[in-house]
Amino acid sequence: MISKVLSSIDGISIYPVLGLVICMLIFLTGVGIAYRKNKEYIQHMSNLPLEKD
């Protein structure tokens, strides 16, 4: 029943493509931010749980 309703809507095929594009943009932005971080900052943040202070 749901597939019949969805197939009757004009232009519905763009939404899965749009969702994929948005998801990929968010993922690539996160990878870009992680890649650009300073290596010393990443090392400092990774050692924070091990510090006693």
Protein backbone atom coordinates (compact mmCIF):
# COMPACT_ATOMS: atom_id res chain seq x y z
CA MET A 1 0.00 0.00 0.00
CA ILE A 2 2.77 2.44 0.87
CA SER A 3 4.57 1.76 -2.42
CA LYS A 4 1.38 2.52 -4.36
CA VAL A 5 0.95 5.81 -2.54
CA LEU A 6 4.58 6.80 -3.00
CA SER A 7 4.61 5.85 -6.68
CA SER A 8 1.62 8.09 -7.33
CA ILE A 9 3.41 11.22 -6.05
CA ASP A 10 5.08 13.22 -8.83
CA GLY A 11 8.74 14.07 -8.27
CA ILE A 12 9.21 11.72 -5.31
CA SER A 13 12.30 10.12 -6.85
CA ILE A 14 14.44 13.17 -6.05
CA TYR A 15 14.19 12.71 -2.27
CA PRO A 16 16.41 9.61 -1.96
CA VAL A 17 19.05 11.28 -4.12
CA LEU A 18 18.81 14.47 -2.10
CA GLY A 19 19.11 12.53 1.16
CA LEU A 20 22.20 10.73 -0.11
CA VAL A 21 23.83 13.97 -1.22
CA ILE A 22 23.15 15.65 2.14
CA CYS A 23 24.51 12.63 4.03
CA MET A 24 27.67 12.57 1.91
CA LEU A 25 28.22 16.29 2.40
CA ILE A 26 27.97 15.94 6.17
CA PHE A 27 30.31 12.94 6.15
CA LEU A 28 32.90 14.62 3.91
CA THR A 29 32.75 17.80 6.01
CA GLY A 30 33.50 15.76 9.13
CA VAL A 31 36.40 14.00 7.42
CA GLY A 32 37.74 17.33 6.19
CA ILE A 33 37.57 18.88 9.65
CA ALA A 34 39.30 15.87 11.20
CA TYR A 35 41.99 15.90 8.53
CA ARG A 36 42.75 19.60 8.99
CA LYS A 37 43.15 19.45 12.78
CA ASN A 38 46.64 19.96 14.14
CA LYS A 39 48.35 16.68 15.05
CA GLU A 40 49.43 18.11 18.43
CA TYR A 41 45.80 18.97 19.22
CA ILE A 42 44.68 15.45 18.38
CA GLN A 43 47.45 13.97 20.53
CA HIS A 44 46.51 16.28 23.43
CA MET A 45 42.83 15.35 23.18
CA SER A 46 43.62 11.63 23.02
CA ASN A 47 45.68 11.86 26.23
CA LEU A 48 43.02 13.74 28.22
CA PRO A 49 41.25 10.62 29.58
CA LEU A 50 44.57 9.29 30.85
CA GLU A 51 45.58 12.41 32.78
CA LYS A 52 44.86 12.57 36.51
CA ASP A 53 44.19 16.34 36.65
